[in-house]
C-alpha atoms as a PDB file:
ATOM      1  CA  MET A   1      14.595  10.577  20.912  1.00  0.00           C
ATOM      2  CA  THR A   2      16.209  10.181  24.358  1.00  0.00           C
ATOM      3  CA  ALA A   3      16.230   6.412  24.789  1.00  0.00           C
ATOM      4  CA  MET A   4      19.159   4.316  23.596  1.00  0.00           C
ATOM      5  CA  PRO A   5      18.283   2.229  20.511  1.00  0.00           C
ATOM      6  CA  VAL A   6      18.187  -1.073  22.421  1.00  0.00           C
ATOM      7  CA  GLU A   7      15.962   0.435  25.089  1.00  0.00           C
ATOM      8  CA  LEU A   8      13.768   2.002  22.450  1.00  0.00           C
ATOM      9  CA  ILE A   9      13.264  -1.281  20.595  1.00  0.00           C
ATOM     10  CA  ALA A  10      12.454  -3.030  23.872  1.00  0.00           C
ATOM     11  CA  ASP A  11       9.890  -0.367  24.719  1.00  0.00           C
ATOM     12  CA  LEU A  12       8.289  -0.586  21.277  1.00  0.00           C
ATOM     13  CA  ARG A  13       8.119  -4.382  21.461  1.00  0.00           C
ATOM     14  CA  ARG A  14       6.312  -4.034  24.772  1.00  0.00           C
ATOM     15  CA  ARG A  15       3.860  -1.578  23.269  1.00  0.00           C
ATOM     16  CA  VAL A  16       3.242  -3.944  20.364  1.00  0.00           C
ATOM     17  CA  ARG A  17       2.534  -6.844  22.731  1.00  0.00           C
ATOM     18  CA  GLU A  18       0.227  -4.829  24.973  1.00  0.00           C
ATOM     19  CA  ALA A  19      -1.703  -2.777  22.404  1.00  0.00           C
ATOM     20  CA  ASP A  20      -5.356  -3.677  22.014  1.00  0.00           C
ATOM     21  CA  GLU A  21      -5.437  -2.396  18.427  1.00  0.00           C
ATOM     22  CA  ILE A  22      -2.533  -1.713  16.065  1.00  0.00           C
ATOM     23  CA  ILE A  23      -2.831   0.053  12.721  1.00  0.00           C
ATOM     24  CA  VAL A  24      -0.041   0.051  10.149  1.00  0.00           C
ATOM     25  CA  LEU A  25      -0.086   2.717   7.448  1.00  0.00           C
ATOM     26  CA  SER A  26       2.272   1.554   4.704  1.00  0.00           C
ATOM     27  CA  GLY A  27       3.633   3.337   1.659  1.00  0.00           C
ATOM     28  CA  ALA A  28       5.945   2.942  -1.296  1.00  0.00           C
ATOM     29  CA  GLY A  29       9.045   2.476   0.855  1.00  0.00           C
ATOM     30  CA  VAL A  30       7.800  -0.933   1.940  1.00  0.00           C
ATOM     31  CA  SER A  31       7.281  -2.073  -1.652  1.00  0.00           C
ATOM     32  CA  ALA A  32      10.588  -0.601  -2.821  1.00  0.00           C
ATOM     33  CA  GLU A  33      12.408  -3.114  -0.624  1.00  0.00           C
ATOM     34  CA  SER A  34      10.767  -5.881  -2.668  1.00  0.00           C
ATOM     35  CA  GLY A  35      12.082  -4.365  -5.868  1.00  0.00           C
ATOM     36  CA  VAL A  36       8.804  -2.809  -6.975  1.00  0.00           C
ATOM     37  CA  PRO A  37       9.812  -0.258  -9.625  1.00  0.00           C
ATOM     38  CA  THR A  38       8.768   3.351  -9.491  1.00  0.00           C
ATOM     39  CA  TYR A  39       7.225   5.092 -12.466  1.00  0.00           C
ATOM     40  CA  ARG A  40       7.662   8.621 -11.218  1.00  0.00           C
ATOM     41  CA  GLY A  41      10.707  10.836 -11.582  1.00  0.00           C
ATOM     42  CA  ALA A  42      13.863  10.228 -13.577  1.00  0.00           C
ATOM     43  CA  GLY A  43      13.873   6.927 -15.431  1.00  0.00           C
ATOM     44  CA  GLY A  44      10.170   6.425 -14.818  1.00  0.00           C
ATOM     45  CA  LEU A  45       9.075   6.570 -18.442  1.00  0.00           C
ATOM     46  CA  TRP A  46       7.236   3.866 -20.380  1.00  0.00           C
ATOM     47  CA  LYS A  47       7.341   4.270 -24.155  1.00  0.00           C
ATOM     48  CA  ASN A  48       8.107   7.962 -23.551  1.00  0.00           C
ATOM     49  CA  PHE A  49       4.980   8.431 -21.424  1.00  0.00           C
ATOM     50  CA  ARG A  50       4.981   9.581 -17.812  1.00  0.00           C
ATOM     51  CA  ALA A  51       2.734   7.966 -15.223  1.00  0.00           C
ATOM     52  CA  GLN A  52       0.840  11.248 -14.989  1.00  0.00           C
ATOM     53  CA  ASP A  53       0.057  10.979 -18.718  1.00  0.00           C
ATOM     54  CA  LEU A  54      -1.403   7.479 -18.476  1.00  0.00           C
ATOM     55  CA  ALA A  55      -3.019   7.117 -15.056  1.00  0.00           C
ATOM     56  CA  THR A  56      -6.030   9.332 -15.784  1.00  0.00           C
ATOM     57  CA  VAL A  57      -9.612   8.855 -16.877  1.00  0.00           C
ATOM     58  CA  GLU A  58      -8.939  11.116 -19.849  1.00  0.00           C
ATOM     59  CA  ALA A  59      -6.045   8.942 -21.067  1.00  0.00           C
ATOM     60  CA  PHE A  60      -8.132   5.796 -20.708  1.00  0.00           C
ATOM     61  CA  ASP A  61     -11.067   7.297 -22.578  1.00  0.00           C
ATOM     62  CA  ARG A  62      -8.722   8.454 -25.337  1.00  0.00           C
ATOM     63  CA  ASP A  63      -6.734   5.215 -25.730  1.00  0.00           C
ATOM     64  CA  PRO A  64      -7.684   2.334 -23.414  1.00  0.00           C
ATOM     65  CA  ALA A  65      -5.353  -0.072 -25.240  1.00  0.00           C
ATOM     66  CA  LEU A  66      -2.355   2.171 -24.515  1.00  0.00           C
ATOM     67  CA  VAL A  67      -3.236   2.476 -20.833  1.00  0.00           C
ATOM     68  CA  TRP A  68      -3.827  -1.254 -20.555  1.00  0.00           C
ATOM     69  CA  GLY A  69      -0.453  -1.907 -22.195  1.00  0.00           C
ATOM     70  CA  TRP A  70       1.201   0.116 -19.458  1.00  0.00           C
ATOM     71  CA  TYR A  71      -0.633  -1.619 -16.622  1.00  0.00           C
ATOM     72  CA  ARG A  72       0.089  -5.048 -18.072  1.00  0.00           C
ATOM     73  CA  SER A  73       3.762  -4.138 -18.315  1.00  0.00           C
ATOM     74  CA  ARG A  74       3.639  -3.134 -14.651  1.00  0.00           C
ATOM     75  CA  ARG A  75       2.100  -6.495 -13.796  1.00  0.00           C
ATOM     76  CA  ARG A  76       4.929  -8.208 -15.650  1.00  0.00           C
ATOM     77  CA  ALA A  77       7.465  -6.271 -13.571  1.00  0.00           C
ATOM     78  CA  LEU A  78       5.697  -7.272 -10.353  1.00  0.00           C
ATOM     79  CA  LEU A  79       5.979 -10.974 -11.170  1.00  0.00           C
ATOM     80  CA  ASP A  80       9.600 -10.832 -10.018  1.00  0.00           C
ATOM     81  CA  CYS A  81       8.725  -9.128  -6.720  1.00  0.00           C
ATOM     82  CA  GLU A  82       8.150 -11.072  -3.507  1.00  0.00           C
ATOM     83  CA  PRO A  83       6.862  -9.933  -0.112  1.00  0.00           C
ATOM     84  CA  ASN A  84       9.868  -8.907   1.952  1.00  0.00           C
ATOM     85  CA  ALA A  85      10.700  -9.408   5.620  1.00  0.00           C
ATOM     86  CA  GLY A  86       8.601  -6.380   6.576  1.00  0.00           C
ATOM     87  CA  HIS A  87       5.493  -7.748   4.860  1.00  0.00           C
ATOM     88  CA  ARG A  88       6.067 -11.165   6.425  1.00  0.00           C
ATOM     89  CA  ALA A  89       6.631  -9.772   9.925  1.00  0.00           C
ATOM     90  CA  LEU A  90       3.178  -8.158   9.873  1.00  0.00           C
ATOM     91  CA  ALA A  91       1.489 -11.303   8.556  1.00  0.00           C
ATOM     92  CA  GLU A  92       3.215 -13.474  11.160  1.00  0.00           C
ATOM     93  CA  ALA A  93       2.185 -11.064  13.924  1.00  0.00           C
ATOM     94  CA  VAL A  94      -1.457 -11.466  12.932  1.00  0.00           C
ATOM     95  CA  GLU A  95      -1.031 -15.249  12.856  1.00  0.00           C
ATOM     96  CA  ARG A  96       0.170 -15.051  16.460  1.00  0.00           C
ATOM     97  CA  GLY A  97      -3.036 -13.269  17.412  1.00  0.00           C
ATOM     98  CA  LEU A  98      -2.117  -9.586  17.444  1.00  0.00           C
ATOM     99  CA  GLU A  99      -5.002  -7.229  16.652  1.00  0.00           C
ATOM    100  CA  LEU A 100      -3.419  -5.557  13.653  1.00  0.00           C
ATOM    101  CA  ARG A 101      -4.821  -4.009  10.486  1.00  0.00           C
ATOM    102  CA  VAL A 102      -2.894  -2.667   7.532  1.00  0.00           C
ATOM    103  CA  VAL A 103      -3.949   0.446   5.636  1.00  0.00           C
ATOM    104  CA  THR A 104      -1.797   0.770   2.529  1.00  0.00           C
ATOM    105  CA  GLN A 105      -1.187   3.331  -0.185  1.00  0.00           C
ATOM    106  CA  ASN A 106       0.397   0.601  -2.338  1.00  0.00           C
ATOM    107  CA  ILE A 107      -1.440  -1.102  -5.192  1.00  0.00           C
ATOM    108  CA  ASP A 108       0.859  -4.132  -5.650  1.00  0.00           C
ATOM    109  CA  GLY A 109      -0.999  -6.570  -3.372  1.00  0.00           C
ATOM    110  CA  LEU A 110       2.186  -7.680  -1.592  1.00  0.00           C
ATOM    111  CA  HIS A 111       0.647  -7.430   1.886  1.00  0.00           C
ATOM    112  CA  THR A 112      -2.066  -9.864   0.814  1.00  0.00           C
ATOM    113  CA  PHE A 113       0.431 -12.153  -0.929  1.00  0.00           C
ATOM    114  CA  ALA A 114       2.367 -12.265   2.360  1.00  0.00           C
ATOM    115  CA  GLY A 115      -0.725 -13.734   4.005  1.00  0.00           C
ATOM    116  CA  LEU A 116      -2.568 -10.729   5.440  1.00  0.00           C
ATOM    117  CA  ASP A 117      -6.347 -10.568   5.170  1.00  0.00           C
ATOM    118  CA  GLY A 118      -8.515  -7.469   5.287  1.00  0.00           C
ATOM    119  CA  VAL A 119      -5.917  -5.032   3.966  1.00  0.00           C
ATOM    120  CA  LEU A 120      -7.440  -1.607   3.339  1.00  0.00           C
ATOM    121  CA  GLU A 121      -6.096  -0.522  -0.054  1.00  0.00           C
ATOM    122  CA  LEU A 122      -6.553   3.227  -0.275  1.00  0.00           C
ATOM    123  CA  HIS A 123      -5.454   3.501  -3.897  1.00  0.00           C
ATOM    124  CA  GLY A 124      -6.840   0.198  -5.188  1.00  0.00           C
ATOM    125  CA  ASN A 125      -5.102  -2.925  -6.465  1.00  0.00           C
ATOM    126  CA  ILE A 126      -3.325  -3.412  -9.786  1.00  0.00           C
ATOM    127  CA  TRP A 127      -4.450  -7.056  -9.894  1.00  0.00           C
ATOM    128  CA  ARG A 128      -8.143  -6.108  -9.846  1.00  0.00           C
ATOM    129  CA  GLU A 129     -10.248  -4.764 -12.690  1.00  0.00           C
ATOM    130  CA  LYS A 130     -13.589  -3.015 -12.593  1.00  0.00           C
ATOM    131  CA  CYS A 131     -16.217  -2.370 -15.205  1.00  0.00           C
ATOM    132  CA  VAL A 132     -16.705   1.178 -16.461  1.00  0.00           C
ATOM    133  CA  ARG A 133     -20.475   0.617 -16.563  1.00  0.00           C
ATOM    134  CA  CYS A 134     -21.632  -1.927 -13.971  1.00  0.00           C
ATOM    135  CA  PRO A 135     -20.391  -2.884 -10.447  1.00  0.00           C
ATOM    136  CA  GLN A 136     -18.595  -6.021 -11.702  1.00  0.00           C
ATOM    137  CA  THR A 137     -14.975  -6.561 -10.610  1.00  0.00           C
ATOM    138  CA  VAL A 138     -12.467  -9.210 -11.680  1.00  0.00           C
ATOM    139  CA  ASP A 139      -9.554 -10.369  -9.510  1.00  0.00           C
ATOM    140  CA  ARG A 140      -6.381 -11.338 -11.415  1.00  0.00           C
ATOM    141  CA  SER A 141      -4.301 -12.191  -8.332  1.00  0.00           C
ATOM    142  CA  ALA A 142      -3.933 -15.759  -9.559  1.00  0.00           C
ATOM    143  CA  ASP A 143      -1.807 -14.382 -12.406  1.00  0.00           C
ATOM    144  CA  TYR A 144       0.689 -13.288  -9.752  1.00  0.00           C
ATOM    145  CA  GLN A 145       0.500 -16.517  -7.770  1.00  0.00           C
ATOM    146  CA  ALA A 146       1.019 -18.670 -10.856  1.00  0.00           C
ATOM    147  CA  ARG A 147       3.710 -16.356 -12.269  1.00  0.00           C
ATOM    148  CA  ARG A 148       1.775 -15.871 -15.504  1.00  0.00           C
ATOM    149  CA  ALA A 149       1.833 -12.414 -17.078  1.00  0.00           C
ATOM    150  CA  LEU A 150      -0.993 -11.180 -19.246  1.00  0.00           C
ATOM    151  CA  PRO A 151       0.127 -10.266 -22.790  1.00  0.00           C
ATOM    152  CA  VAL A 152       0.899  -6.565 -23.075  1.00  0.00           C
ATOM    153  CA  ASP A 153      -0.649  -6.188 -26.523  1.00  0.00           C
ATOM    154  CA  ASP A 154      -3.984  -7.941 -25.941  1.00  0.00           C
ATOM    155  CA  PRO A 155      -7.151  -5.841 -26.409  1.00  0.00           C
ATOM    156  CA  PRO A 156      -8.612  -4.288 -23.251  1.00  0.00           C
ATOM    157  CA  PRO A 157     -10.559  -6.935 -21.286  1.00  0.00           C
ATOM    158  CA  GLU A 158     -14.350  -7.065 -21.405  1.00  0.00           C
ATOM    159  CA  CYS A 159     -16.720  -7.246 -18.467  1.00  0.00           C
ATOM    160  CA  PRO A 160     -18.074 -10.791 -18.021  1.00  0.00           C
ATOM    161  CA  GLU A 161     -21.375  -9.322 -16.791  1.00  0.00           C
ATOM    162  CA  CYS A 162     -22.332  -6.581 -19.261  1.00  0.00           C
ATOM    163  CA  GLY A 163     -19.694  -6.814 -21.987  1.00  0.00           C
ATOM    164  CA  ASP A 164     -18.373  -3.281 -21.558  1.00  0.00           C
ATOM    165  CA  ILE A 165     -14.694  -2.506 -21.037  1.00  0.00           C
ATOM    166  CA  LEU A 166     -12.808  -3.192 -17.810  1.00  0.00           C
ATOM    167  CA  ARG A 167     -10.283  -0.765 -16.363  1.00  0.00           C
ATOM    168  CA  PRO A 168      -7.638  -1.225 -13.651  1.00  0.00           C
ATOM    169  CA  ASP A 169      -9.217  -0.952 -10.214  1.00  0.00           C
ATOM    170  CA  VAL A 170      -6.817   1.744  -9.044  1.00  0.00           C
ATOM    171  CA  VAL A 171      -7.243   5.395  -8.155  1.00  0.00           C
ATOM    172  CA  TRP A 172      -6.008   7.606 -10.976  1.00  0.00           C
ATOM    173  CA  PHE A 173      -4.784  11.198 -10.867  1.00  0.00           C
ATOM    174  CA  GLY A 174      -7.775  13.473 -10.373  1.00  0.00           C
ATOM    175  CA  GLU A 175     -10.014  10.733  -8.956  1.00  0.00           C
ATOM    176  CA  GLN A 176     -11.423  10.572  -5.447  1.00  0.00           C
ATOM    177  CA  LEU A 177     -10.646   7.677  -3.133  1.00  0.00           C
ATOM    178  CA  ASP A 178     -13.380   5.163  -2.406  1.00  0.00           C
ATOM    179  CA  THR A 179     -15.437   6.858   0.315  1.00  0.00           C
ATOM    180  CA  ARG A 180     -16.095   3.617   2.187  1.00  0.00           C
ATOM    181  CA  VAL A 181     -12.409   2.701   2.302  1.00  0.00           C
ATOM    182  CA  ILE A 182     -11.098   6.073   3.462  1.00  0.00           C
ATOM    183  CA  GLU A 183     -13.860   6.455   6.045  1.00  0.00           C
ATOM    184  CA  GLN A 184     -12.986   3.057   7.492  1.00  0.00           C
ATOM    185  CA  ALA A 185      -9.312   4.038   7.571  1.00  0.00           C
ATOM    186  CA  PHE A 186     -10.116   7.166   9.565  1.00  0.00           C
ATOM    187  CA  ARG A 187     -12.281   5.171  11.985  1.00  0.00           C
ATOM    188  CA  LEU A 188      -9.371   2.802  12.576  1.00  0.00           C
ATOM    189  CA  ALA A 189      -7.004   5.731  13.113  1.00  0.00           C
ATOM    190  CA  GLU A 190      -9.355   7.258  15.672  1.00  0.00           C
ATOM    191  CA  SER A 191      -9.708   4.018  17.664  1.00  0.00           C
ATOM    192  CA  CYS A 192      -6.220   2.466  17.548  1.00  0.00           C
ATOM    193  CA  GLU A 193      -3.854   2.422  20.503  1.00  0.00           C
ATOM    194  CA  LEU A 194      -0.694   2.132  18.428  1.00  0.00           C
ATOM    195  CA  MET A 195      -0.053   3.260  14.843  1.00  0.00           C
ATOM    196  CA  LEU A 196       3.003   2.485  12.737  1.00  0.00           C
ATOM    197  CA  VAL A 197       3.643   4.804   9.795  1.00  0.00           C
ATOM    198  CA  VAL A 198       5.915   2.756   7.553  1.00  0.00           C
ATOM    199  CA  GLY A 199       7.671   3.693   4.328  1.00  0.00           C
ATOM    200  CA  THR A 200       5.505   6.677   3.463  1.00  0.00           C
ATOM    201  CA  SER A 201       6.489  10.318   3.083  1.00  0.00           C
ATOM    202  CA  CYS A 202       2.969  11.332   4.183  1.00  0.00           C
ATOM    203  CA  GLU A 203       2.704  13.900   1.425  1.00  0.00           C
ATOM    204  CA  VAL A 204      -0.365  12.442  -0.298  1.00  0.00           C
ATOM    205  CA  HIS A 205      -3.736  13.360   1.152  1.00  0.00           C
ATOM    206  CA  PRO A 206      -6.000  12.255   2.696  1.00  0.00           C
ATOM    207  CA  ALA A 207      -3.774   9.341   3.823  1.00  0.00           C
ATOM    208  CA  ALA A 208      -1.266  11.847   5.222  1.00  0.00           C
ATOM    209  CA  LEU A 209      -3.819  12.901   7.819  1.00  0.00           C
ATOM    210  CA  LEU A 210      -4.187   9.439   9.366  1.00  0.00           C
ATOM    211  CA  PRO A 211      -1.142   9.671  11.703  1.00  0.00           C
ATOM    212  CA  LEU A 212      -2.282  13.103  12.871  1.00  0.00           C
ATOM    213  CA  VAL A 213      -5.795  11.832  13.561  1.00  0.00           C
ATOM    214  CA  ALA A 214      -4.402   8.858  15.483  1.00  0.00           C
ATOM    215  CA  ARG A 215      -2.075  11.030  17.579  1.00  0.00           C
ATOM    216  CA  LYS A 216      -4.854  13.485  18.359  1.00  0.00           C
ATOM    217  CA  ALA A 217      -7.051  10.597  19.511  1.00  0.00           C
ATOM    218  CA  GLY A 218      -4.338   9.480  21.947  1.00  0.00           C
ATOM    219  CA  ALA A 219      -2.503   6.781  19.978  1.00  0.00           C
ATOM    220  CA  TYR A 220       1.232   6.234  20.223  1.00  0.00           C
ATOM    221  CA  VAL A 221       2.487   6.867  16.677  1.00  0.00           C
ATOM    222  CA  VAL A 222       5.726   5.255  15.501  1.00  0.00           C
ATOM    223  CA  GLU A 223       7.332   6.317  12.233  1.00  0.00           C
ATOM    224  CA  VAL A 224       9.522   3.821  10.357  1.00  0.00           C
ATOM    225  CA  ASN A 225      11.326   5.370   7.405  1.00  0.00           C
ATOM    226  CA  ILE A 226      14.797   5.733   5.977  1.00  0.00           C
ATOM    227  CA  GLU A 227      14.688   9.523   6.388  1.00  0.00           C
ATOM    228  CA  PRO A 228      12.644  12.223   8.149  1.00  0.00           C
ATOM    229  CA  THR A 229       9.277  13.189   6.664  1.00  0.00           C
ATOM    230  CA  VAL A 230       6.724  15.950   7.079  1.00  0.00           C
ATOM    231  CA  VAL A 231       5.152  14.080  10.017  1.00  0.00           C
ATOM    232  CA  THR A 232       8.362  13.200  11.872  1.00  0.00           C
ATOM    233  CA  ASP A 233       7.889  16.008  14.388  1.00  0.00           C
ATOM    234  CA  ARG A 234       4.274  14.969  14.956  1.00  0.00           C
ATOM    235  CA  CYS A 235       5.013  11.299  15.711  1.00  0.00           C
ATOM    236  CA  SER A 236       5.729   9.912  19.168  1.00  0.00           C
ATOM    237  CA  VAL A 237       9.018   8.420  17.981  1.00  0.00           C
ATOM    238  CA  SER A 238      10.810   7.730  14.685  1.00  0.00           C
ATOM    239  CA  LEU A 239      13.002   4.825  13.602  1.00  0.00           C
ATOM    240  CA  PHE A 240      15.148   5.704  10.607  1.00  0.00           C
ATOM    241  CA  GLU A 241      15.573   2.206   9.226  1.00  0.00           C
ATOM    242  CA  PRO A 242      14.228   0.268   6.246  1.00  0.00           C
ATOM    243  CA  ALA A 243      10.936  -1.466   6.981  1.00  0.00           C
ATOM    244  CA  ALA A 244      12.333  -4.899   6.129  1.00  0.00           C
ATOM    245  CA  ARG A 245      14.851  -4.476   8.946  1.00  0.00           C
ATOM    246  CA  ALA A 246      12.782  -2.571  11.508  1.00  0.00           C
ATOM    247  CA  LEU A 247       9.476  -4.470  11.422  1.00  0.00           C
ATOM    248  CA  PRO A 248      10.925  -7.925  12.176  1.00  0.00           C
ATOM    249  CA  LYS A 249      12.616  -6.411  15.237  1.00  0.00           C
ATOM    250  CA  LEU A 250       9.451  -4.675  16.441  1.00  0.00           C
ATOM    251  CA  PHE A 251       7.244  -7.737  15.946  1.00  0.00           C
ATOM    252  CA  ALA A 252       9.704 -10.369  17.172  1.00  0.00           C
ATOM    253  CA  GLU A 253       8.188 -12.905  19.560  1.00  0.00           C
END
């Protein structure tokens, strides 16, 4: 990085203003600044279970009530989390007319709660449920908006269409991503002029390939993270700052 920070920010603001299509790939670092808890690593246990023990089809088949208890506890924790300045900066940029789409690895729905429409959620959404038998889905986002948590110990919810059991509409360990969603994400990466890679370590595939696809197609790729990642050397430039501080500067009017 040869430019001085002030010059760099000015250049990136210009690129944001002039880009015909901007894609933002967001990861857990963006949500962490809103206080979204992590369930992986030290201290990430729930009733002595690891996330890897609960977020699987096998665990759900074995004990759906246990898995639902965990996801309802996660919803409770999210009720105290608000979109941060990074989320809001992106939503406000779209309101001003910028051609911007967000592709996120996060399942918390905070981009949507900040006011963004059309967010591509690669790993699903914790506030949605889907039937294990039929195509029916149920959106529980209103539980977030109204600050009402679902009881942890209630029985697993039933499908209003066929009566079978509902499961969280998220991608579990060992499951494939929704083909339609990931294909659309790759199309956006191939066509964008500017991509921001924000708060993600880019270690989870296939999302990790999106910045590389964008760069190969000629996009200017900007990394925003608190530390270097596996794609730092492949990006056009990197800003080592928290998203809640960097994004408002980049998208300032």
